[in-house]
Amino acid sequence: MKAIWNVGEPVARAITVLEMLQPPDVEHLFNRLDHGPGGHKGRRHAAMTTGRTNDNLNHFAAWVNRYCDTHGRHDAIPVLNGRPFKLHTAQFRRTLARFIARRPGGTIAGALQYRHHSIQVFEGYAGTSDSGFRAEVESEQALARGEHLLAVIDAHEHTHLAGPAAAEAARRLEDFGQRTRLQGTVALDDRRLRRIMNRDDPAIYPGTYITYVHDPAKALCERAHQGTFEGLGDHPQCQPLACRNVALTRENVDAWRREVELLDQGLTARPPLPPLLQHRLVQRKHQIEDFLATTSQEPE
């Protein structure tokens, strides 16, 4: 039985490399390589064991460090407690999960990536629910969000927001920028930025379609979830076209316009769509167009 997976670009690139390493008549990615230490005569169609894979990882790490020493490079793999860090495949499970979790909507994407039935399973993928992984995910998400918000401030993009919460977003971001400048350094390290986010989080959540400016008194999603909020995209009851906590960046407006273009393509497709579906698409298109037309200002 075959399964279809949605993967990110780094995974797709790695699979392409594995396919190139295998002969054309081999169907499996992790077969023993003829030119590698795991290749043995008569076992061309046997997969490498985890132990052999771990050995290969550490051989590769040693080669990287020798190469760096020979060429005077300073980006070698660092040692741990004075010894080479031993790699094994289980470590990459948590590393990949943290990488996915830092992306916008990453918690949901991670559940899909790992083919789990719930977000909670993904959050605990590196261990039990007591392992602290959820807290680590939230910390990584806050750090990534803080980095994004600082980039917005540095580019003065917060002065060109649209939408009902544009003024509040600009005020919060201006205040957040001033607080970070009080740290006395231009480039904040991760530790300092985490501390600032823990103390002075502006509660602004960038997304593809909207930039959410959290105000519990106006949050339609909180009314549906009894006053709880866990971040943009966690609530299926999110109503971005009606919510007063919405601000729009130039990228957000462009995303809505692309949505309208996709709706137009569906409405002009041949054979035509069923009447009920066509009616819903027209209704959705008009809602988006009205939403964009009534925003307080257009981003420059």
C-alpha atoms as a PDB file:
ATOM      1  CA  MET A   1       0.000   0.000   0.000  1.00  0.00           C
ATOM      2  CA  LYS A   2       1.403   3.378  -1.002  1.00  0.00           C
ATOM      3  CA  ALA A   3       1.005   6.620   0.924  1.00  0.00           C
ATOM      4  CA  ILE A   4       1.261  10.179  -0.367  1.00  0.00           C
ATOM      5  CA  TRP A   5       3.401  12.551   1.684  1.00  0.00           C
ATOM      6  CA  ASN A   6       3.654  16.326   1.624  1.00  0.00           C
ATOM      7  CA  VAL A   7       7.273  17.309   2.238  1.00  0.00           C
ATOM      8  CA  GLY A   8       9.312  20.480   2.381  1.00  0.00           C
ATOM      9  CA  GLU A   9      11.982  21.504  -0.103  1.00  0.00           C
ATOM     10  CA  PRO A  10      14.943  20.189   1.997  1.00  0.00           C
ATOM     11  CA  VAL A  11      13.314  16.751   2.201  1.00  0.00           C
ATOM     12  CA  ALA A  12      12.578  16.717  -1.537  1.00  0.00           C
ATOM     13  CA  ARG A  13      16.217  17.625  -2.249  1.00  0.00           C
ATOM     14  CA  ALA A  14      17.479  14.852   0.033  1.00  0.00           C
ATOM     15  CA  ILE A  15      15.248  12.290  -1.684  1.00  0.00           C
ATOM     16  CA  THR A  16      16.574  13.395  -5.077  1.00  0.00           C
ATOM     17  CA  VAL A  17      20.132  12.809  -3.863  1.00  0.00           C
ATOM     18  CA  LEU A  18      19.230   9.345  -2.554  1.00  0.00           C
ATOM     19  CA  GLU A  19      17.641   8.481  -5.897  1.00  0.00           C
ATOM     20  CA  MET A  20      20.817   9.556  -7.709  1.00  0.00           C
ATOM     21  CA  LEU A  21      22.945   7.346  -5.459  1.00  0.00           C
ATOM     22  CA  GLN A  22      20.971   4.196  -6.274  1.00  0.00           C
ATOM     23  CA  PRO A  23      21.184   2.235  -9.564  1.00  0.00           C
ATOM     24  CA  PRO A  24      18.191   2.553 -11.935  1.00  0.00           C
ATOM     25  CA  ASP A  25      16.902  -0.939 -11.141  1.00  0.00           C
ATOM     26  CA  VAL A  26      16.644  -0.302  -7.386  1.00  0.00           C
ATOM     27  CA  GLU A  27      13.237   0.776  -6.084  1.00  0.00           C
ATOM     28  CA  HIS A  28      14.049   1.603  -2.452  1.00  0.00           C
ATOM     29  CA  LEU A  29      15.822   4.724  -1.207  1.00  0.00           C
ATOM     30  CA  PHE A  30      17.752   3.162   1.664  1.00  0.00           C
ATOM     31  CA  ASN A  31      19.302   0.164  -0.069  1.00  0.00           C
ATOM     32  CA  ARG A  32      22.916  -0.607   0.725  1.00  0.00           C
ATOM     33  CA  LEU A  33      25.177   1.374  -1.580  1.00  0.00           C
ATOM     34  CA  ASP A  34      27.542  -0.637  -3.792  1.00  0.00           C
ATOM     35  CA  HIS A  35      30.328   1.901  -3.261  1.00  0.00           C
ATOM     36  CA  GLY A  36      29.759   2.316   0.477  1.00  0.00           C
ATOM     37  CA  PRO A  37      30.790   0.335   3.577  1.00  0.00           C
ATOM     38  CA  GLY A  38      27.278  -1.151   3.797  1.00  0.00           C
ATOM     39  CA  GLY A  39      27.435  -2.714   0.358  1.00  0.00           C
ATOM     40  CA  HIS A  40      27.973  -6.467   0.209  1.00  0.00           C
ATOM     41  CA  LYS A  41      27.858  -8.820  -2.696  1.00  0.00           C
ATOM     42  CA  GLY A  42      24.512 -10.533  -3.018  1.00  0.00           C
ATOM     43  CA  ARG A  43      22.744  -8.022  -0.757  1.00  0.00           C
ATOM     44  CA  ARG A  44      22.034  -5.195  -3.208  1.00  0.00           C
ATOM     45  CA  HIS A  45      18.368  -5.122  -2.283  1.00  0.00           C
ATOM     46  CA  ALA A  46      18.821  -5.071   1.491  1.00  0.00           C
ATOM     47  CA  ALA A  47      18.300  -1.842   3.409  1.00  0.00           C
ATOM     48  CA  MET A  48      21.044  -0.420   5.604  1.00  0.00           C
ATOM     49  CA  THR A  49      20.569  -0.974   9.295  1.00  0.00           C
ATOM     50  CA  THR A  50      20.191   1.922  11.713  1.00  0.00           C
ATOM     51  CA  GLY A  51      23.611   1.110  13.150  1.00  0.00           C
ATOM     52  CA  ARG A  52      25.261   1.328   9.745  1.00  0.00           C
ATOM     53  CA  THR A  53      23.453   4.588   9.015  1.00  0.00           C
ATOM     54  CA  ASN A  54      24.703   6.030  12.318  1.00  0.00           C
ATOM     55  CA  ASP A  55      28.257   4.977  11.448  1.00  0.00           C
ATOM     56  CA  ASN A  56      27.967   6.681   8.079  1.00  0.00           C
ATOM     57  CA  LEU A  57      26.674   9.878   9.683  1.00  0.00           C
ATOM     58  CA  ASN A  58      29.653  10.047  12.025  1.00  0.00           C
ATOM     59  CA  HIS A  59      32.116   9.201   9.231  1.00  0.00           C
ATOM     60  CA  PHE A  60      30.660  12.091   7.257  1.00  0.00           C
ATOM     61  CA  ALA A  61      30.905  14.455  10.255  1.00  0.00           C
ATOM     62  CA  ALA A  62      34.556  13.478  10.736  1.00  0.00           C
ATOM     63  CA  TRP A  63      35.246  14.131   7.035  1.00  0.00           C
ATOM     64  CA  VAL A  64      33.616  17.584   7.304  1.00  0.00           C
ATOM     65  CA  ASN A  65      35.853  18.500  10.234  1.00  0.00           C
ATOM     66  CA  ARG A  66      38.989  17.231   8.495  1.00  0.00           C
ATOM     67  CA  TYR A  67      38.066  19.266   5.431  1.00  0.00           C
ATOM     68  CA  CYS A  68      37.576  22.385   7.554  1.00  0.00           C
ATOM     69  CA  ASP A  69      40.934  21.874   9.282  1.00  0.00           C
ATOM     70  CA  THR A  70      42.737  21.380   5.968  1.00  0.00           C
ATOM     71  CA  HIS A  71      41.234  24.477   4.343  1.00  0.00           C
ATOM     72  CA  GLY A  72      41.281  26.746   7.373  1.00  0.00           C
ATOM     73  CA  ARG A  73      37.508  26.983   7.629  1.00  0.00           C
ATOM     74  CA  HIS A  74      35.771  27.960  10.862  1.00  0.00           C
ATOM     75  CA  ASP A  75      32.380  26.318  10.282  1.00  0.00           C
ATOM     76  CA  ALA A  76      33.277  22.818  11.425  1.00  0.00           C
ATOM     77  CA  ILE A  77      30.851  20.722  13.454  1.00  0.00           C
ATOM     78  CA  PRO A  78      31.451  21.841  17.068  1.00  0.00           C
ATOM     79  CA  VAL A  79      32.542  19.435  19.777  1.00  0.00           C
ATOM     80  CA  LEU A  80      30.462  18.699  22.873  1.00  0.00           C
ATOM     81  CA  ASN A  81      32.251  18.668  26.239  1.00  0.00           C
ATOM     82  CA  GLY A  82      35.547  18.430  24.424  1.00  0.00           C
ATOM     83  CA  ARG A  83      34.545  15.409  22.358  1.00  0.00           C
ATOM     84  CA  PRO A  84      33.072  14.952  18.868  1.00  0.00           C
ATOM     85  CA  PHE A  85      29.283  15.003  18.998  1.00  0.00           C
ATOM     86  CA  LYS A  86      27.948  11.542  18.204  1.00  0.00           C
ATOM     87  CA  LEU A  87      25.136  11.583  15.676  1.00  0.00           C
ATOM     88  CA  HIS A  88      22.348   9.027  15.487  1.00  0.00           C
ATOM     89  CA  THR A  89      19.130   8.934  13.525  1.00  0.00           C
ATOM     90  CA  ALA A  90      16.777   9.428  16.481  1.00  0.00           C
ATOM     91  CA  GLN A  91      18.154  12.947  17.010  1.00  0.00           C
ATOM     92  CA  PHE A  92      16.783  14.138  13.682  1.00  0.00           C
ATOM     93  CA  ARG A  93      13.215  13.341  14.682  1.00  0.00           C
ATOM     94  CA  ARG A  94      13.185  16.173  17.221  1.00  0.00           C
ATOM     95  CA  THR A  95      15.306  18.495  15.067  1.00  0.00           C
ATOM     96  CA  LEU A  96      12.923  18.189  12.125  1.00  0.00           C
ATOM     97  CA  ALA A  97       9.898  18.594  14.373  1.00  0.00           C
ATOM     98  CA  ARG A  98      11.316  21.835  15.825  1.00  0.00           C
ATOM     99  CA  PHE A  99      12.168  23.108  12.336  1.00  0.00           C
ATOM    100  CA  ILE A 100       8.601  22.502  11.149  1.00  0.00           C
ATOM    101  CA  ALA A 101       7.070  23.952  14.319  1.00  0.00           C
ATOM    102  CA  ARG A 102       8.836  27.295  13.784  1.00  0.00           C
ATOM    103  CA  ARG A 103       7.144  27.832  10.447  1.00  0.00           C
ATOM    104  CA  PRO A 104       3.796  29.657  10.188  1.00  0.00           C
ATOM    105  CA  GLY A 105       1.088  27.087  10.892  1.00  0.00           C
ATOM    106  CA  GLY A 106       3.867  24.644  11.681  1.00  0.00           C
ATOM    107  CA  THR A 107       2.099  22.695  14.396  1.00  0.00           C
ATOM    108  CA  ILE A 108      -0.663  21.651  12.022  1.00  0.00           C
ATOM    109  CA  ALA A 109       1.842  21.071   9.205  1.00  0.00           C
ATOM    110  CA  GLY A 110       3.879  18.878  11.530  1.00  0.00           C
ATOM    111  CA  ALA A 111       0.896  16.697  12.319  1.00  0.00           C
ATOM    112  CA  LEU A 112       0.387  16.224   8.574  1.00  0.00           C
ATOM    113  CA  GLN A 113       4.101  15.667   7.921  1.00  0.00           C
ATOM    114  CA  TYR A 114       4.307  12.913  10.506  1.00  0.00           C
ATOM    115  CA  ARG A 115       0.912  11.506   9.484  1.00  0.00           C
ATOM    116  CA  HIS A 116      -0.410  11.780  13.023  1.00  0.00           C
ATOM    117  CA  HIS A 117      -4.068  12.157  13.834  1.00  0.00           C
ATOM    118  CA  SER A 118      -3.679  15.066  16.219  1.00  0.00           C
ATOM    119  CA  ILE A 119      -1.538  18.077  16.904  1.00  0.00           C
ATOM    120  CA  GLN A 120      -0.901  16.818  20.430  1.00  0.00           C
ATOM    121  CA  VAL A 121       0.799  13.695  19.084  1.00  0.00           C
ATOM    122  CA  PHE A 122       3.127  15.797  16.948  1.00  0.00           C
ATOM    123  CA  GLU A 123       3.958  18.078  19.863  1.00  0.00           C
ATOM    124  CA  GLY A 124       5.012  15.063  21.899  1.00  0.00           C
ATOM    125  CA  TYR A 125       6.738  13.301  19.013  1.00  0.00           C
ATOM    126  CA  ALA A 126      10.185  13.660  20.551  1.00  0.00           C
ATOM    127  CA  GLY A 127       9.063  12.127  23.822  1.00  0.00           C
ATOM    128  CA  THR A 128       6.187  12.090  26.246  1.00  0.00           C
ATOM    129  CA  SER A 129       3.922  15.058  26.884  1.00  0.00           C
ATOM    130  CA  ASP A 130       6.056  15.701  29.994  1.00  0.00           C
ATOM    131  CA  SER A 131       9.215  16.055  27.921  1.00  0.00           C
ATOM    132  CA  GLY A 132       8.738  19.796  27.555  1.00  0.00           C
ATOM    133  CA  PHE A 133       8.497  19.644  23.788  1.00  0.00           C
ATOM    134  CA  ARG A 134       5.335  21.750  23.655  1.00  0.00           C
ATOM    135  CA  ALA A 135       7.069  24.468  25.683  1.00  0.00           C
ATOM    136  CA  GLU A 136      10.056  24.263  23.345  1.00  0.00           C
ATOM    137  CA  VAL A 137       7.794  24.561  20.314  1.00  0.00           C
ATOM    138  CA  GLU A 138       6.069  27.613  21.771  1.00  0.00           C
ATOM    139  CA  SER A 139       9.434  29.184  22.617  1.00  0.00           C
ATOM    140  CA  GLU A 140      10.725  28.569  19.084  1.00  0.00           C
ATOM    141  CA  GLN A 141       7.524  29.996  17.594  1.00  0.00           C
ATOM    142  CA  ALA A 142       7.784  33.114  19.760  1.00  0.00           C
ATOM    143  CA  LEU A 143      11.434  33.566  18.804  1.00  0.00           C
ATOM    144  CA  ALA A 144      10.683  33.230  15.091  1.00  0.00           C
ATOM    145  CA  ARG A 145       7.773  35.653  15.450  1.00  0.00           C
ATOM    146  CA  GLY A 146       9.982  38.151  17.295  1.00  0.00           C
ATOM    147  CA  GLU A 147      12.613  37.957  14.554  1.00  0.00           C
ATOM    148  CA  HIS A 148       9.933  38.550  11.925  1.00  0.00           C
ATOM    149  CA  LEU A 149       8.452  41.519  13.783  1.00  0.00           C
ATOM    150  CA  LEU A 150      11.872  43.133  14.185  1.00  0.00           C
ATOM    151  CA  ALA A 151      12.458  42.759  10.439  1.00  0.00           C
ATOM    152  CA  VAL A 152       9.084  44.434   9.807  1.00  0.00           C
ATOM    153  CA  ILE A 153      10.059  47.313  12.095  1.00  0.00           C
ATOM    154  CA  ASP A 154      13.510  47.724  10.533  1.00  0.00           C
ATOM    155  CA  ALA A 155      11.925  47.916   7.069  1.00  0.00           C
ATOM    156  CA  HIS A 156       9.290  50.404   8.358  1.00  0.00           C
ATOM    157  CA  GLU A 157       6.574  48.128   7.000  1.00  0.00           C
ATOM    158  CA  HIS A 158       4.473  48.689  10.126  1.00  0.00           C
ATOM    159  CA  THR A 159       3.761  52.247   8.923  1.00  0.00           C
ATOM    160  CA  HIS A 160       2.007  50.932   5.796  1.00  0.00           C
ATOM    161  CA  LEU A 161      -0.529  48.541   7.291  1.00  0.00           C
ATOM    162  CA  ALA A 162      -4.193  48.389   6.337  1.00  0.00           C
ATOM    163  CA  GLY A 163      -7.248  46.886   8.007  1.00  0.00           C
ATOM    164  CA  PRO A 164      -9.252  47.597  11.167  1.00  0.00           C
ATOM    165  CA  ALA A 165      -6.345  46.874  13.542  1.00  0.00           C
ATOM    166  CA  ALA A 166      -3.661  48.659  11.491  1.00  0.00           C
ATOM    167  CA  ALA A 167      -3.260  51.595  13.887  1.00  0.00           C
ATOM    168  CA  GLU A 168      -3.049  49.327  16.945  1.00  0.00           C
ATOM    169  CA  ALA A 169      -0.502  47.081  15.211  1.00  0.00           C
ATOM    170  CA  ALA A 170       1.654  50.076  14.273  1.00  0.00           C
ATOM    171  CA  ARG A 171       1.528  51.386  17.849  1.00  0.00           C
ATOM    172  CA  ARG A 172       2.478  48.018  19.353  1.00  0.00           C
ATOM    173  CA  LEU A 173       5.290  47.466  16.890  1.00  0.00           C
ATOM    174  CA  GLU A 174       6.694  50.947  17.479  1.00  0.00           C
ATOM    175  CA  ASP A 175       6.669  50.288  21.221  1.00  0.00           C
ATOM    176  CA  PHE A 176       8.211  46.828  20.701  1.00  0.00           C
ATOM    177  CA  GLY A 177      10.977  48.351  18.578  1.00  0.00           C
ATOM    178  CA  GLN A 178      11.764  50.918  21.255  1.00  0.00           C
ATOM    179  CA  ARG A 179      11.937  48.238  23.946  1.00  0.00           C
ATOM    180  CA  THR A 180      14.374  46.152  21.906  1.00  0.00           C
ATOM    181  CA  ARG A 181      16.571  49.207  21.288  1.00  0.00           C
ATOM    182  CA  LEU A 182      16.767  49.730  25.048  1.00  0.00           C
ATOM    183  CA  GLN A 183      18.800  46.533  25.217  1.00  0.00           C
ATOM    184  CA  GLY A 184      21.763  48.559  23.975  1.00  0.00           C
ATOM    185  CA  THR A 185      22.562  46.385  21.003  1.00  0.00           C
ATOM    186  CA  VAL A 186      21.510  46.338  17.378  1.00  0.00           C
ATOM    187  CA  ALA A 187      21.621  42.578  16.873  1.00  0.00           C
ATOM    188  CA  LEU A 188      19.865  40.693  19.656  1.00  0.00           C
ATOM    189  CA  ASP A 189      20.951  37.147  20.340  1.00  0.00           C
ATOM    190  CA  ASP A 190      18.320  34.432  20.778  1.00  0.00           C
ATOM    191  CA  ARG A 191      18.511  34.506  24.565  1.00  0.00           C
ATOM    192  CA  ARG A 192      17.844  38.238  24.800  1.00  0.00           C
ATOM    193  CA  LEU A 193      15.086  38.157  22.216  1.00  0.00           C
ATOM    194  CA  ARG A 194      13.366  35.288  24.039  1.00  0.00           C
ATOM    195  CA  ARG A 195      13.505  37.286  27.258  1.00  0.00           C
ATOM    196  CA  ILE A 196      11.984  40.331  25.544  1.00  0.00           C
ATOM    197  CA  MET A 197       9.233  38.231  23.979  1.00  0.00           C
ATOM    198  CA  ASN A 198       8.413  36.673  27.362  1.00  0.00           C
ATOM    199  CA  ARG A 199       8.160  40.092  28.980  1.00  0.00           C
ATOM    200  CA  ASP A 200       6.932  42.411  26.210  1.00  0.00           C
ATOM    201  CA  ASP A 201       5.270  40.208  23.592  1.00  0.00           C
ATOM    202  CA  PRO A 202       3.241  42.571  21.360  1.00  0.00           C
ATOM    203  CA  ALA A 203       0.766  39.738  20.664  1.00  0.00           C
ATOM    204  CA  ILE A 204       0.960  40.229  16.888  1.00  0.00           C
ATOM    205  CA  TYR A 205       0.824  37.063  14.791  1.00  0.00           C
ATOM    206  CA  PRO A 206       1.879  37.315  11.128  1.00  0.00           C
ATOM    207  CA  GLY A 207       0.091  35.015   8.704  1.00  0.00           C
ATOM    208  CA  THR A 208      -0.368  34.468   4.991  1.00  0.00           C
ATOM    209  CA  TYR A 209      -3.754  36.198   4.730  1.00  0.00           C
ATOM    210  CA  ILE A 210      -3.849  38.415   7.806  1.00  0.00           C
ATOM    211  CA  THR A 211      -1.656  39.817  10.529  1.00  0.00           C
ATOM    212  CA  TYR A 212      -3.541  39.109  13.746  1.00  0.00           C
ATOM    213  CA  VAL A 213      -3.392  41.767  16.482  1.00  0.00           C
ATOM    214  CA  HIS A 214      -4.721  40.030  19.571  1.00  0.00           C
ATOM    215  CA  ASP A 215      -7.323  41.902  21.601  1.00  0.00           C
ATOM    216  CA  PRO A 216      -9.489  39.501  23.636  1.00  0.00           C
ATOM    217  CA  ALA A 217     -12.394  41.956  23.747  1.00  0.00           C
ATOM    218  CA  LYS A 218     -12.706  41.846  19.951  1.00  0.00           C
ATOM    219  CA  ALA A 219     -11.619  38.278  19.199  1.00  0.00           C
ATOM    220  CA  LEU A 220     -14.431  36.340  17.534  1.00  0.00           C
ATOM    221  CA  CYS A 221     -12.445  33.114  17.914  1.00  0.00           C
ATOM    222  CA  GLU A 222     -12.225  33.578  21.686  1.00  0.00           C
ATOM    223  CA  ARG A 223     -15.983  33.844  21.968  1.00  0.00           C
ATOM    224  CA  ALA A 224     -16.183  30.456  20.266  1.00  0.00           C
ATOM    225  CA  HIS A 225     -13.487  29.016  22.536  1.00  0.00           C
ATOM    226  CA  GLN A 226     -14.516  30.450  25.894  1.00  0.00           C
ATOM    227  CA  GLY A 227     -11.812  33.071  26.136  1.00  0.00           C
ATOM    228  CA  THR A 228      -8.799  30.982  25.130  1.00  0.00           C
ATOM    229  CA  PHE A 229      -6.259  31.917  22.478  1.00  0.00           C
ATOM    230  CA  GLU A 230      -3.239  29.940  21.309  1.00  0.00           C
ATOM    231  CA  GLY A 231      -2.156  31.800  18.194  1.00  0.00           C
ATOM    232  CA  LEU A 232      -3.218  32.475  14.633  1.00  0.00           C
ATOM    233  CA  GLY A 233      -4.606  29.463  12.803  1.00  0.00           C
ATOM    234  CA  ASP A 234      -5.396  27.320  15.849  1.00  0.00           C
ATOM    235  CA  HIS A 235      -9.131  28.040  15.735  1.00  0.00           C
ATOM    236  CA  PRO A 236     -11.286  26.673  12.941  1.00  0.00           C
ATOM    237  CA  GLN A 237     -13.785  29.409  13.895  1.00  0.00           C
ATOM    238  CA  CYS A 238     -11.343  32.114  12.750  1.00  0.00           C
ATOM    239  CA  GLN A 239     -13.313  34.737  10.776  1.00  0.00           C
ATOM    240  CA  PRO A 240     -10.663  36.987   9.185  1.00  0.00           C
ATOM    241  CA  LEU A 241     -13.115  38.874   6.955  1.00  0.00           C
ATOM    242  CA  ALA A 242     -15.195  39.946   9.961  1.00  0.00           C
ATOM    243  CA  CYS A 243     -12.671  40.187  12.804  1.00  0.00           C
ATOM    244  CA  ARG A 244     -11.681  43.634  14.104  1.00  0.00           C
ATOM    245  CA  ASN A 245      -8.269  42.289  15.191  1.00  0.00           C
ATOM    246  CA  VAL A 246      -7.041  42.064  11.612  1.00  0.00           C
ATOM    247  CA  ALA A 247      -4.266  44.127  10.051  1.00  0.00           C
ATOM    248  CA  LEU A 248      -3.013  43.665   6.504  1.00  0.00           C
ATOM    249  CA  THR A 249       0.494  43.899   5.120  1.00  0.00           C
ATOM    250  CA  ARG A 250       1.244  44.251   1.429  1.00  0.00           C
ATOM    251  CA  GLU A 251       1.861  40.492   1.335  1.00  0.00           C
ATOM    252  CA  ASN A 252      -1.497  39.815   2.996  1.00  0.00           C
ATOM    253  CA  VAL A 253      -3.345  41.908   0.400  1.00  0.00           C
ATOM    254  CA  ASP A 254      -1.498  40.126  -2.408  1.00  0.00           C
ATOM    255  CA  ALA A 255      -2.509  36.756  -0.929  1.00  0.00           C
ATOM    256  CA  TRP A 256      -6.195  37.785  -0.927  1.00  0.00           C
ATOM    257  CA  ARG A 257      -5.913  38.976  -4.525  1.00  0.00           C
ATOM    258  CA  ARG A 258      -4.410  35.644  -5.545  1.00  0.00           C
ATOM    259  CA  GLU A 259      -7.363  33.998  -3.817  1.00  0.00           C
ATOM    260  CA  VAL A 260      -9.737  36.066  -5.939  1.00  0.00           C
ATOM    261  CA  GLU A 261      -7.850  35.027  -9.069  1.00  0.00           C
ATOM    262  CA  LEU A 262      -8.210  31.353  -8.107  1.00  0.00           C
ATOM    263  CA  LEU A 263     -11.936  31.855  -7.536  1.00  0.00           C
ATOM    264  CA  ASP A 264     -12.257  33.476 -10.970  1.00  0.00           C
ATOM    265  CA  GLN A 265     -10.490  30.504 -12.532  1.00  0.00           C
ATOM    266  CA  GLY A 266     -12.924  28.150 -10.866  1.00  0.00           C
ATOM    267  CA  LEU A 267     -15.925  30.208 -11.944  1.00  0.00           C
ATOM    268  CA  THR A 268     -14.816  30.283 -15.596  1.00  0.00           C
ATOM    269  CA  ALA A 269     -13.813  26.618 -15.748  1.00  0.00           C
ATOM    270  CA  ARG A 270     -15.377  24.320 -18.306  1.00  0.00           C
ATOM    271  CA  PRO A 271     -17.489  22.339 -17.806  1.00  0.00           C
ATOM    272  CA  PRO A 272     -19.122  24.789 -15.379  1.00  0.00           C
ATOM    273  CA  LEU A 273     -19.306  24.025 -11.690  1.00  0.00           C
ATOM    274  CA  PRO A 274     -22.546  22.834 -10.074  1.00  0.00           C
ATOM    275  CA  PRO A 275     -24.893  25.776  -9.335  1.00  0.00           C
ATOM    276  CA  LEU A 276     -24.614  25.561  -5.534  1.00  0.00           C
ATOM    277  CA  LEU A 277     -20.808  25.469  -5.584  1.00  0.00           C
ATOM    278  CA  GLN A 278     -20.729  28.298  -8.128  1.00  0.00           C
ATOM    279  CA  HIS A 279     -22.999  30.381  -5.888  1.00  0.00           C
ATOM    280  CA  ARG A 280     -20.716  29.823  -2.901  1.00  0.00           C
ATOM    281  CA  LEU A 281     -17.610  30.781  -4.872  1.00  0.00           C
ATOM    282  CA  VAL A 282     -19.263  33.976  -6.114  1.00  0.00           C
ATOM    283  CA  GLN A 283     -20.322  34.793  -2.575  1.00  0.00           C
ATOM    284  CA  ARG A 284     -16.789  34.176  -1.294  1.00  0.00           C
ATOM    285  CA  LYS A 285     -15.300  36.346  -4.033  1.00  0.00           C
ATOM    286  CA  HIS A 286     -17.634  39.250  -3.210  1.00  0.00           C
ATOM    287  CA  GLN A 287     -16.819  38.944   0.498  1.00  0.00           C
ATOM    288  CA  ILE A 288     -13.094  39.204  -0.184  1.00  0.00           C
ATOM    289  CA  GLU A 289     -13.513  42.114  -2.593  1.00  0.00           C
ATOM    290  CA  ASP A 290     -15.707  43.986  -0.109  1.00  0.00           C
ATOM    291  CA  PHE A 291     -13.210  43.292   2.655  1.00  0.00           C
ATOM    292  CA  LEU A 292     -10.318  44.720   0.639  1.00  0.00           C
ATOM    293  CA  ALA A 293     -12.374  47.700  -0.509  1.00  0.00           C
ATOM    294  CA  THR A 294     -13.357  48.708   3.023  1.00  0.00           C
ATOM    295  CA  THR A 295      -9.933  48.508   4.682  1.00  0.00           C
ATOM    296  CA  SER A 296      -8.795  51.791   6.157  1.00  0.00           C
ATOM    297  CA  GLN A 297      -5.977  52.249   3.644  1.00  0.00           C
ATOM    298  CA  GLU A 298      -4.138  50.348   0.959  1.00  0.00           C
ATOM    299  CA  PRO A 299      -0.542  49.328   1.765  1.00  0.00           C
ATOM    300  CA  GLU A 300       1.922  51.313  -0.335  1.00  0.00           C
END
